[in-house]
Amino acid sequence: MPGVLILEAVAQTGGLLLLMDIPDRDKMLLYFVAVDGARFRRPVVPGDQLRIEVNVLNWRGDFCKLEGKATVNGQLAAEGTVMCKMIDREPPGKDEERTR
């Protein structure tokens, strides 16, 4: 599994983690804006079971910083920090345009 796809899996897992805490999650979108400190430690090959763990490091307003680690059999395969921004799915004023 390519390392960039492992980081994508970390980002998707983090997005799910964040949206579980949002009451109107169906009205929100997460944009991943940066990856920092990405390290790839070992290859992940067919048959490996990839375990992904994500922790929220910082969450202020609509910005969030997540730390993710991916392991296979307890050995670190990849790690990195992902930053994201939460936005409304519908831009402000969109409902007003529909009623006109």
PDB file of N, CA and C in Angstrom:
ATOM      1  N   MET A   1       0.866  -1.169   0.000  1.00  0.00           N
ATOM      2  CA  MET A   1       0.000   0.000   0.000  1.00  0.00           C
ATOM      3  C   MET A   1       0.909   1.227   0.000  1.00  0.00           C
ATOM      4  N   PRO A   2       0.773   2.081  -0.975  1.00  0.00           N
ATOM      5  CA  PRO A   2       1.616   3.281  -1.020  1.00  0.00           C
ATOM      6  C   PRO A   2       1.426   4.163   0.218  1.00  0.00           C
ATOM      7  N   GLY A   3       2.514   4.782   0.643  1.00  0.00           N
ATOM      8  CA  GLY A   3       2.487   5.623   1.836  1.00  0.00           C
ATOM      9  C   GLY A   3       1.484   6.757   1.760  1.00  0.00           C
ATOM     10  N   VAL A   4       1.310   7.351   0.589  1.00  0.00           N
ATOM     11  CA  VAL A   4       0.350   8.455   0.477  1.00  0.00           C
ATOM     12  C   VAL A   4      -1.076   7.955   0.723  1.00  0.00           C
ATOM     13  N   LEU A   5      -1.369   6.715   0.357  1.00  0.00           N
ATOM     14  CA  LEU A   5      -2.701   6.160   0.635  1.00  0.00           C
ATOM     15  C   LEU A   5      -2.869   5.838   2.115  1.00  0.00           C
ATOM     16  N   ILE A   6      -1.777   5.481   2.775  1.00  0.00           N
ATOM     17  CA  ILE A   6      -1.841   5.276   4.227  1.00  0.00           C
ATOM     18  C   ILE A   6      -2.156   6.598   4.909  1.00  0.00           C
ATOM     19  N   LEU A   7      -1.501   7.679   4.473  1.00  0.00           N
ATOM     20  CA  LEU A   7      -1.807   9.000   5.045  1.00  0.00           C
ATOM     21  C   LEU A   7      -3.233   9.435   4.724  1.00  0.00           C
ATOM     22  N   GLU A   8      -3.720   9.102   3.546  1.00  0.00           N
ATOM     23  CA  GLU A   8      -5.123   9.386   3.209  1.00  0.00           C
ATOM     24  C   GLU A   8      -6.054   8.636   4.163  1.00  0.00           C
ATOM     25  N   ALA A   9      -5.725   7.398   4.469  1.00  0.00           N
ATOM     26  CA  ALA A   9      -6.533   6.616   5.408  1.00  0.00           C
ATOM     27  C   ALA A   9      -6.506   7.244   6.801  1.00  0.00           C
ATOM     28  N   VAL A  10      -5.345   7.751   7.208  1.00  0.00           N
ATOM     29  CA  VAL A  10      -5.242   8.458   8.488  1.00  0.00           C
ATOM     30  C   VAL A  10      -6.145   9.692   8.473  1.00  0.00           C
ATOM     31  N   ALA A  11      -6.108  10.455   7.384  1.00  0.00           N
ATOM     32  CA  ALA A  11      -6.938  11.662   7.274  1.00  0.00           C
ATOM     33  C   ALA A  11      -8.423  11.314   7.297  1.00  0.00           C
ATOM     34  N   GLN A  12      -8.818  10.273   6.580  1.00  0.00           N
ATOM     35  CA  GLN A  12     -10.230   9.862   6.565  1.00  0.00           C
ATOM     36  C   GLN A  12     -10.679   9.405   7.955  1.00  0.00           C
ATOM     37  N   THR A  13      -9.828   8.668   8.646  1.00  0.00           N
ATOM     38  CA  THR A  13     -10.148   8.218  10.001  1.00  0.00           C
ATOM     39  C   THR A  13     -10.287   9.413  10.934  1.00  0.00           C
ATOM     40  N   GLY A  14      -9.384  10.384  10.802  1.00  0.00           N
ATOM     41  CA  GLY A  14      -9.471  11.600  11.612  1.00  0.00           C
ATOM     42  C   GLY A  14     -10.741  12.385  11.323  1.00  0.00           C
ATOM     43  N   GLY A  15     -11.129  12.459  10.055  1.00  0.00           N
ATOM     44  CA  GLY A  15     -12.365  13.142   9.690  1.00  0.00           C
ATOM     45  C   GLY A  15     -13.570  12.500  10.341  1.00  0.00           C
ATOM     46  N   LEU A  16     -13.614  11.186  10.336  1.00  0.00           N
ATOM     47  CA  LEU A  16     -14.708  10.470  10.987  1.00  0.00           C
ATOM     48  C   LEU A  16     -14.721  10.743  12.477  1.00  0.00           C
ATOM     49  N   LEU A  17     -13.545  10.720  13.087  1.00  0.00           N
ATOM     50  CA  LEU A  17     -13.427  11.010  14.521  1.00  0.00           C
ATOM     51  C   LEU A  17     -13.973  12.400  14.843  1.00  0.00           C
ATOM     52  N   LEU A  18     -13.600  13.398  14.046  1.00  0.00           N
ATOM     53  CA  LEU A  18     -14.056  14.771  14.295  1.00  0.00           C
ATOM     54  C   LEU A  18     -15.558  14.917  14.084  1.00  0.00           C
ATOM     55  N   LEU A  19     -16.060  14.360  13.002  1.00  0.00           N
ATOM     56  CA  LEU A  19     -17.478  14.540  12.690  1.00  0.00           C
ATOM     57  C   LEU A  19     -18.391  13.818  13.678  1.00  0.00           C
ATOM     58  N   MET A  20     -17.884  12.842  14.398  1.00  0.00           N
ATOM     59  CA  MET A  20     -18.701  12.166  15.409  1.00  0.00           C
ATOM     60  C   MET A  20     -19.068  13.117  16.554  1.00  0.00           C
ATOM     61  N   ASP A  21     -18.270  14.164  16.769  1.00  0.00           N
ATOM     62  CA  ASP A  21     -18.519  15.123  17.848  1.00  0.00           C
ATOM     63  C   ASP A  21     -19.349  16.331  17.407  1.00  0.00           C
ATOM     64  N   ILE A  22     -19.721  16.393  16.135  1.00  0.00           N
ATOM     65  CA  ILE A  22     -20.451  17.542  15.603  1.00  0.00           C
ATOM     66  C   ILE A  22     -21.932  17.189  15.501  1.00  0.00           C
ATOM     67  N   PRO A  23     -22.821  17.988  16.133  1.00  0.00           N
ATOM     68  CA  PRO A  23     -24.248  17.659  16.103  1.00  0.00           C
ATOM     69  C   PRO A  23     -24.858  17.704  14.692  1.00  0.00           C
ATOM     70  N   ASP A  24     -24.503  18.687  13.882  1.00  0.00           N
ATOM     71  CA  ASP A  24     -25.064  18.818  12.529  1.00  0.00           C
ATOM     72  C   ASP A  24     -24.048  18.362  11.490  1.00  0.00           C
ATOM     73  N   ARG A  25     -23.493  17.188  11.678  1.00  0.00           N
ATOM     74  CA  ARG A  25     -22.401  16.720  10.821  1.00  0.00           C
ATOM     75  C   ARG A  25     -22.791  16.583   9.360  1.00  0.00           C
ATOM     76  N   ASP A  26     -24.074  16.367   9.079  1.00  0.00           N
ATOM     77  CA  ASP A  26     -24.502  16.264   7.675  1.00  0.00           C
ATOM     78  C   ASP A  26     -24.444  17.614   6.962  1.00  0.00           C
ATOM     79  N   LYS A  27     -24.305  18.700   7.707  1.00  0.00           N
ATOM     80  CA  LYS A  27     -24.223  20.038   7.120  1.00  0.00           C
ATOM     81  C   LYS A  27     -22.788  20.557   7.041  1.00  0.00           C
ATOM     82  N   MET A  28     -21.808  19.710   7.410  1.00  0.00           N
ATOM     83  CA  MET A  28     -20.421  20.148   7.475  1.00  0.00           C
ATOM     84  C   MET A  28     -19.546  19.360   6.500  1.00  0.00           C
ATOM     85  N   LEU A  29     -18.445  19.992   6.101  1.00  0.00           N
ATOM     86  CA  LEU A  29     -17.402  19.355   5.297  1.00  0.00           C
ATOM     87  C   LEU A  29     -16.059  19.585   5.973  1.00  0.00           C
ATOM     88  N   LEU A  30     -15.152  18.641   5.792  1.00  0.00           N
ATOM     89  CA  LEU A  30     -13.789  18.807   6.284  1.00  0.00           C
ATOM     90  C   LEU A  30     -12.857  18.903   5.095  1.00  0.00           C
ATOM     91  N   TYR A  31     -12.036  19.940   5.084  1.00  0.00           N
ATOM     92  CA  TYR A  31     -10.991  20.078   4.083  1.00  0.00           C
ATOM     93  C   TYR A  31      -9.657  19.842   4.779  1.00  0.00           C
ATOM     94  N   PHE A  32      -8.897  18.903   4.260  1.00  0.00           N
ATOM     95  CA  PHE A  32      -7.572  18.670   4.806  1.00  0.00           C
ATOM     96  C   PHE A  32      -6.614  19.619   4.116  1.00  0.00           C
ATOM     97  N   VAL A  33      -5.924  20.429   4.917  1.00  0.00           N
ATOM     98  CA  VAL A  33      -5.135  21.525   4.360  1.00  0.00           C
ATOM     99  C   VAL A  33      -3.632  21.294   4.396  1.00  0.00           C
ATOM    100  N   ALA A  34      -3.157  20.362   5.230  1.00  0.00           N
ATOM    101  CA  ALA A  34      -1.721  20.163   5.296  1.00  0.00           C
ATOM    102  C   ALA A  34      -1.393  18.835   5.969  1.00  0.00           C
ATOM    103  N   VAL A  35      -0.237  18.324   5.612  1.00  0.00           N
ATOM    104  CA  VAL A  35       0.347  17.160   6.274  1.00  0.00           C
ATOM    105  C   VAL A  35       1.748  17.565   6.694  1.00  0.00           C
ATOM    106  N   ASP A  36       2.096  17.252   7.927  1.00  0.00           N
ATOM    107  CA  ASP A  36       3.399  17.635   8.452  1.00  0.00           C
ATOM    108  C   ASP A  36       4.058  16.412   9.090  1.00  0.00           C
ATOM    109  N   GLY A  37       5.342  16.326   8.966  1.00  0.00           N
ATOM    110  CA  GLY A  37       6.089  15.272   9.643  1.00  0.00           C
ATOM    111  C   GLY A  37       5.755  13.871   9.182  1.00  0.00           C
ATOM    112  N   ALA A  38       5.385  13.721   7.930  1.00  0.00           N
ATOM    113  CA  ALA A  38       5.058  12.387   7.423  1.00  0.00           C
ATOM    114  C   ALA A  38       6.317  11.534   7.361  1.00  0.00           C
ATOM    115  N   ARG A  39       6.232  10.356   7.950  1.00  0.00           N
ATOM    116  CA  ARG A  39       7.349   9.420   7.956  1.00  0.00           C
ATOM    117  C   ARG A  39       6.821   8.046   7.579  1.00  0.00           C
ATOM    118  N   PHE A  40       7.536   7.390   6.703  1.00  0.00           N
ATOM    119  CA  PHE A  40       7.173   6.054   6.261  1.00  0.00           C
ATOM    120  C   PHE A  40       8.248   5.101   6.760  1.00  0.00           C
ATOM    121  N   ARG A  41       7.876   4.172   7.630  1.00  0.00           N
ATOM    122  CA  ARG A  41       8.842   3.351   8.355  1.00  0.00           C
ATOM    123  C   ARG A  41       9.035   1.950   7.777  1.00  0.00           C
ATOM    124  N   ARG A  42       7.982   1.371   7.240  1.00  0.00           N
ATOM    125  CA  ARG A  42       8.077   0.020   6.695  1.00  0.00           C
ATOM    126  C   ARG A  42       7.026  -0.160   5.610  1.00  0.00           C
ATOM    127  N   PRO A  43       7.279  -1.058   4.667  1.00  0.00           N
ATOM    128  CA  PRO A  43       6.280  -1.282   3.623  1.00  0.00           C
ATOM    129  C   PRO A  43       5.055  -2.028   4.169  1.00  0.00           C
ATOM    130  N   VAL A  44       3.930  -1.757   3.560  1.00  0.00           N
ATOM    131  CA  VAL A  44       2.694  -2.475   3.858  1.00  0.00           C
ATOM    132  C   VAL A  44       2.346  -3.253   2.592  1.00  0.00           C
ATOM    133  N   VAL A  45       2.271  -4.572   2.737  1.00  0.00           N
ATOM    134  CA  VAL A  45       2.099  -5.450   1.573  1.00  0.00           C
ATOM    135  C   VAL A  45       0.773  -6.200   1.672  1.00  0.00           C
ATOM    136  N   PRO A  46       0.302  -6.764   0.567  1.00  0.00           N
ATOM    137  CA  PRO A  46      -0.955  -7.541   0.606  1.00  0.00           C
ATOM    138  C   PRO A  46      -0.900  -8.612   1.701  1.00  0.00           C
ATOM    139  N   GLY A  47      -1.986  -8.694   2.438  1.00  0.00           N
ATOM    140  CA  GLY A  47      -2.081  -9.636   3.551  1.00  0.00           C
ATOM    141  C   GLY A  47      -1.832  -8.998   4.900  1.00  0.00           C
ATOM    142  N   ASP A  48      -1.183  -7.824   4.930  1.00  0.00           N
ATOM    143  CA  ASP A  48      -0.971  -7.110   6.189  1.00  0.00           C
ATOM    144  C   ASP A  48      -2.285  -6.505   6.665  1.00  0.00           C
ATOM    145  N   GLN A  49      -2.457  -6.474   7.987  1.00  0.00           N
ATOM    146  CA  GLN A  49      -3.600  -5.783   8.575  1.00  0.00           C
ATOM    147  C   GLN A  49      -3.104  -4.455   9.126  1.00  0.00           C
ATOM    148  N   LEU A  50      -3.600  -3.370   8.547  1.00  0.00           N
ATOM    149  CA  LEU A  50      -3.164  -2.023   8.917  1.00  0.00           C
ATOM    150  C   LEU A  50      -4.066  -1.489  10.016  1.00  0.00           C
ATOM    151  N   ARG A  51      -3.468  -1.097  11.120  1.00  0.00           N
ATOM    152  CA  ARG A  51      -4.217  -0.512  12.241  1.00  0.00           C
ATOM    153  C   ARG A  51      -3.908   0.976  12.268  1.00  0.00           C
ATOM    154  N   ILE A  52      -4.962   1.792  12.265  1.00  0.00           N
ATOM    155  CA  ILE A  52      -4.799   3.246  12.227  1.00  0.00           C
ATOM    156  C   ILE A  52      -5.309   3.841  13.534  1.00  0.00           C
ATOM    157  N   GLU A  53      -4.481   4.666  14.148  1.00  0.00           N
ATOM    158  CA  GLU A  53      -4.851   5.364  15.380  1.00  0.00           C
ATOM    159  C   GLU A  53      -4.668   6.856  15.166  1.00  0.00           C
ATOM    160  N   VAL A  54      -5.680   7.625  15.561  1.00  0.00           N
ATOM    161  CA  VAL A  54      -5.645   9.079  15.382  1.00  0.00           C
ATOM    162  C   VAL A  54      -6.002   9.748  16.701  1.00  0.00           C
ATOM    163  N   ASN A  55      -5.224  10.761  17.052  1.00  0.00           N
ATOM    164  CA  ASN A  55      -5.491  11.567  18.245  1.00  0.00           C
ATOM    165  C   ASN A  55      -5.640  13.026  17.846  1.00  0.00           C
ATOM    166  N   VAL A  56      -6.585  13.706  18.478  1.00  0.00           N
ATOM    167  CA  VAL A  56      -6.763  15.140  18.258  1.00  0.00           C
ATOM    168  C   VAL A  56      -5.740  15.866  19.123  1.00  0.00           C
ATOM    169  N   LEU A  57      -4.851  16.607  18.480  1.00  0.00           N
ATOM    170  CA  LEU A  57      -3.843  17.377  19.209  1.00  0.00           C
ATOM    171  C   LEU A  57      -4.360  18.747  19.618  1.00  0.00           C
ATOM    172  N   ASN A  58      -5.109  19.374  18.708  1.00  0.00           N
ATOM    173  CA  ASN A  58      -5.581  20.739  18.938  1.00  0.00           C
ATOM    174  C   ASN A  58      -6.823  20.975  18.101  1.00  0.00           C
ATOM    175  N   TRP A  59      -7.844  21.590  18.695  1.00  0.00           N
ATOM    176  CA  TRP A  59      -9.067  21.900  17.968  1.00  0.00           C
ATOM    177  C   TRP A  59      -9.538  23.271  18.433  1.00  0.00           C
ATOM    178  N   ARG A  60      -9.343  24.270  17.559  1.00  0.00           N
ATOM    179  CA  ARG A  60      -9.747  25.645  17.884  1.00  0.00           C
ATOM    180  C   ARG A  60     -10.663  26.144  16.789  1.00  0.00           C
ATOM    181  N   GLY A  61     -11.876  26.442  17.145  1.00  0.00           N
ATOM    182  CA  GLY A  61     -12.838  26.945  16.166  1.00  0.00           C
ATOM    183  C   GLY A  61     -13.061  25.936  15.071  1.00  0.00           C
ATOM    184  N   ASP A  62     -12.713  26.310  13.847  1.00  0.00           N
ATOM    185  CA  ASP A  62     -12.942  25.405  12.723  1.00  0.00           C
ATOM    186  C   ASP A  62     -11.649  24.756  12.213  1.00  0.00           C
ATOM    187  N   PHE A  63     -10.530  24.948  12.918  1.00  0.00           N
ATOM    188  CA  PHE A  63      -9.261  24.307  12.550  1.00  0.00           C
ATOM    189  C   PHE A  63      -8.926  23.197  13.544  1.00  0.00           C
ATOM    190  N   CYS A  64      -8.357  22.124  13.020  1.00  0.00           N
ATOM    191  CA  CYS A  64      -8.011  21.000  13.869  1.00  0.00           C
ATOM    192  C   CYS A  64      -6.672  20.405  13.425  1.00  0.00           C
ATOM    193  N   LYS A  65      -5.917  19.916  14.400  1.00  0.00           N
ATOM    194  CA  LYS A  65      -4.637  19.271  14.144  1.00  0.00           C
ATOM    195  C   LYS A  65      -4.719  17.856  14.721  1.00  0.00           C
ATOM    196  N   LEU A  66      -4.431  16.862  13.874  1.00  0.00           N
ATOM    197  CA  LEU A  66      -4.540  15.459  14.257  1.00  0.00           C
ATOM    198  C   LEU A  66      -3.198  14.762  14.112  1.00  0.00           C
ATOM    199  N   GLU A  67      -2.917  13.843  15.017  1.00  0.00           N
ATOM    200  CA  GLU A  67      -1.720  13.019  14.928  1.00  0.00           C
ATOM    201  C   GLU A  67      -2.168  11.600  14.602  1.00  0.00           C
ATOM    202  N   GLY A  68      -1.585  11.033  13.551  1.00  0.00           N
ATOM    203  CA  GLY A  68      -1.978   9.689  13.151  1.00  0.00           C
ATOM    204  C   GLY A  68      -0.796   8.747  13.051  1.00  0.00           C
ATOM    205  N   LYS A  69      -1.058   7.479  13.406  1.00  0.00           N
ATOM    206  CA  LYS A  69      -0.058   6.428  13.298  1.00  0.00           C
ATOM    207  C   LYS A  69      -0.717   5.206  12.681  1.00  0.00           C
ATOM    208  N   ALA A  70       0.020   4.556  11.798  1.00  0.00           N
ATOM    209  CA  ALA A  70      -0.449   3.322  11.178  1.00  0.00           C
ATOM    210  C   ALA A  70       0.559   2.228  11.500  1.00  0.00           C
ATOM    211  N   THR A  71       0.068   1.105  12.026  1.00  0.00           N
ATOM    212  CA  THR A  71       0.949   0.018  12.411  1.00  0.00           C
ATOM    213  C   THR A  71       0.503  -1.291  11.763  1.00  0.00           C
ATOM    214  N   VAL A  72       1.458  -2.196  11.627  1.00  0.00           N
ATOM    215  CA  VAL A  72       1.199  -3.565  11.191  1.00  0.00           C
ATOM    216  C   VAL A  72       1.888  -4.480  12.199  1.00  0.00           C
ATOM    217  N   ASN A  73       1.098  -5.326  12.844  1.00  0.00           N
ATOM    218  CA  ASN A  73       1.642  -6.238  13.873  1.00  0.00           C
ATOM    219  C   ASN A  73       2.446  -5.495  14.935  1.00  0.00           C
ATOM    220  N   GLY A  74       1.965  -4.320  15.328  1.00  0.00           N
ATOM    221  CA  GLY A  74       2.620  -3.534  16.364  1.00  0.00           C
ATOM    222  C   GLY A  74       3.830  -2.740  15.899  1.00  0.00           C
ATOM    223  N   GLN A  75       4.223  -2.888  14.634  1.00  0.00           N
ATOM    224  CA  GLN A  75       5.363  -2.134  14.106  1.00  0.00           C
ATOM    225  C   GLN A  75       4.860  -0.910  13.354  1.00  0.00           C
ATOM    226  N   LEU A  76       5.476   0.231  13.614  1.00  0.00           N
ATOM    227  CA  LEU A  76       5.078   1.474  12.970  1.00  0.00           C
ATOM    228  C   LEU A  76       5.348   1.409  11.469  1.00  0.00           C
ATOM    229  N   ALA A  77       4.305   1.644  10.679  1.00  0.00           N
ATOM    230  CA  ALA A  77       4.439   1.650   9.218  1.00  0.00           C
ATOM    231  C   ALA A  77       4.512   3.081   8.693  1.00  0.00           C
ATOM    232  N   ALA A  78       3.709   3.976   9.261  1.00  0.00           N
ATOM    233  CA  ALA A  78       3.690   5.384   8.832  1.00  0.00           C
ATOM    234  C   ALA A  78       3.125   6.224   9.955  1.00  0.00           C
ATOM    235  N   GLU A  79       3.506   7.503   9.928  1.00  0.00           N
ATOM    236  CA  GLU A  79       2.986   8.455  10.913  1.00  0.00           C
ATOM    237  C   GLU A  79       3.015   9.847  10.310  1.00  0.00           C
ATOM    238  N   GLY A  80       2.195  10.723  10.858  1.00  0.00           N
ATOM    239  CA  GLY A  80       2.182  12.089  10.381  1.00  0.00           C
ATOM    240  C   GLY A  80       1.143  12.913  11.118  1.00  0.00           C
ATOM    241  N   THR A  81       1.249  14.215  10.955  1.00  0.00           N
ATOM    242  CA  THR A  81       0.298  15.163  11.534  1.00  0.00           C
ATOM    243  C   THR A  81      -0.514  15.760  10.388  1.00  0.00           C
ATOM    244  N   VAL A  82      -1.828  15.785  10.566  1.00  0.00           N
ATOM    245  CA  VAL A  82      -2.739  16.268   9.534  1.00  0.00           C
ATOM    246  C   VAL A  82      -3.494  17.467  10.085  1.00  0.00           C
ATOM    247  N   MET A  83      -3.567  18.542   9.300  1.00  0.00           N
ATOM    248  CA  MET A  83      -4.351  19.704   9.681  1.00  0.00           C
ATOM    249  C   MET A  83      -5.579  19.796   8.773  1.00  0.00           C
ATOM    250  N   CYS A  84      -6.704  20.205   9.357  1.00  0.00           N
ATOM    251  CA  CYS A  84      -7.927  20.313   8.559  1.00  0.00           C
ATOM    252  C   CYS A  84      -8.746  21.519   9.004  1.00  0.00           C
ATOM    253  N   LYS A  85      -9.669  21.889   8.143  1.00  0.00           N
ATOM    254  CA  LYS A  85     -10.575  23.017   8.395  1.00  0.00           C
ATOM    255  C   LYS A  85     -11.999  22.540   8.152  1.00  0.00           C
ATOM    256  N   MET A  86     -12.887  22.857   9.073  1.00  0.00           N
ATOM    257  CA  MET A  86     -14.285  22.487   8.953  1.00  0.00           C
ATOM    258  C   MET A  86     -15.063  23.672   8.387  1.00  0.00           C
ATOM    259  N   ILE A  87     -15.897  23.403   7.388  1.00  0.00           N
ATOM    260  CA  ILE A  87     -16.718  24.458   6.785  1.00  0.00           C
ATOM    261  C   ILE A  87     -18.156  23.982   6.665  1.00  0.00           C
ATOM    262  N   ASP A  88     -19.069  24.949   6.482  1.00  0.00           N
ATOM    263  CA  ASP A  88     -20.463  24.615   6.213  1.00  0.00           C
ATOM    264  C   ASP A  88     -20.580  24.051   4.812  1.00  0.00           C
ATOM    265  N   ARG A  89     -21.386  23.009   4.655  1.00  0.00           N
ATOM    266  CA  ARG A  89     -21.593  22.401   3.344  1.00  0.00           C
ATOM    267  C   ARG A  89     -22.241  23.397   2.381  1.00  0.00           C
ATOM    268  N   GLU A  90     -23.199  24.154   2.866  1.00  0.00           N
ATOM    269  CA  GLU A  90     -23.871  25.183   2.061  1.00  0.00           C
ATOM    270  C   GLU A  90     -23.302  26.542   2.437  1.00  0.00           C
ATOM    271  N   PRO A  91     -22.811  27.297   1.458  1.00  0.00           N
ATOM    272  CA  PRO A  91     -22.298  28.632   1.778  1.00  0.00           C
ATOM    273  C   PRO A  91     -23.399  29.532   2.346  1.00  0.00           C
ATOM    274  N   PRO A  92     -23.033  30.513   3.186  1.00  0.00           N
ATOM    275  CA  PRO A  92     -24.035  31.434   3.731  1.00  0.00           C
ATOM    276  C   PRO A  92     -24.782  32.140   2.611  1.00  0.00           C
ATOM    277  N   GLY A  93     -26.066  32.279   2.774  1.00  0.00           N
ATOM    278  CA  GLY A  93     -26.882  32.985   1.794  1.00  0.00           C
ATOM    279  C   GLY A  93     -27.402  32.100   0.688  1.00  0.00           C
ATOM    280  N   LYS A  94     -27.011  30.859   0.630  1.00  0.00           N
ATOM    281  CA  LYS A  94     -27.457  29.957  -0.436  1.00  0.00           C
ATOM    282  C   LYS A  94     -28.964  29.705  -0.322  1.00  0.00           C
ATOM    283  N   ASP A  95     -29.482  29.586   0.905  1.00  0.00           N
ATOM    284  CA  ASP A  95     -30.915  29.366   1.097  1.00  0.00           C
ATOM    285  C   ASP A  95     -31.727  30.560   0.598  1.00  0.00           C
ATOM    286  N   GLU A  96     -31.166  31.782   0.753  1.00  0.00           N
ATOM    287  CA  GLU A  96     -31.875  32.975   0.285  1.00  0.00           C
ATOM    288  C   GLU A  96     -32.023  32.971  -1.233  1.00  0.00           C
ATOM    289  N   GLU A  97     -31.006  32.464  -1.950  1.00  0.00           N
ATOM    290  CA  GLU A  97     -31.067  32.411  -3.405  1.00  0.00           C
ATOM    291  C   GLU A  97     -32.136  31.448  -3.884  1.00  0.00           C
ATOM    292  N   ARG A  98     -32.355  30.362  -3.164  1.00  0.00           N
ATOM    293  CA  ARG A  98     -33.342  29.356  -3.546  1.00  0.00           C
ATOM    294  C   ARG A  98     -34.771  29.874  -3.415  1.00  0.00           C
ATOM    295  N   THR A  99     -35.004  30.797  -2.461  1.00  0.00           N
ATOM    296  CA  THR A  99     -36.361  31.293  -2.227  1.00  0.00           C
ATOM    297  C   THR A  99     -36.752  32.413  -3.183  1.00  0.00           C
ATOM    298  N   ARG A 100     -35.804  32.934  -3.945  1.00  0.00           N
ATOM    299  CA  ARG A 100     -36.102  34.050  -4.861  1.00  0.00           C
ATOM    300  C   ARG A 100     -36.797  33.576  -6.100  1.00  0.00           C
TER     301      ARG A 100
END
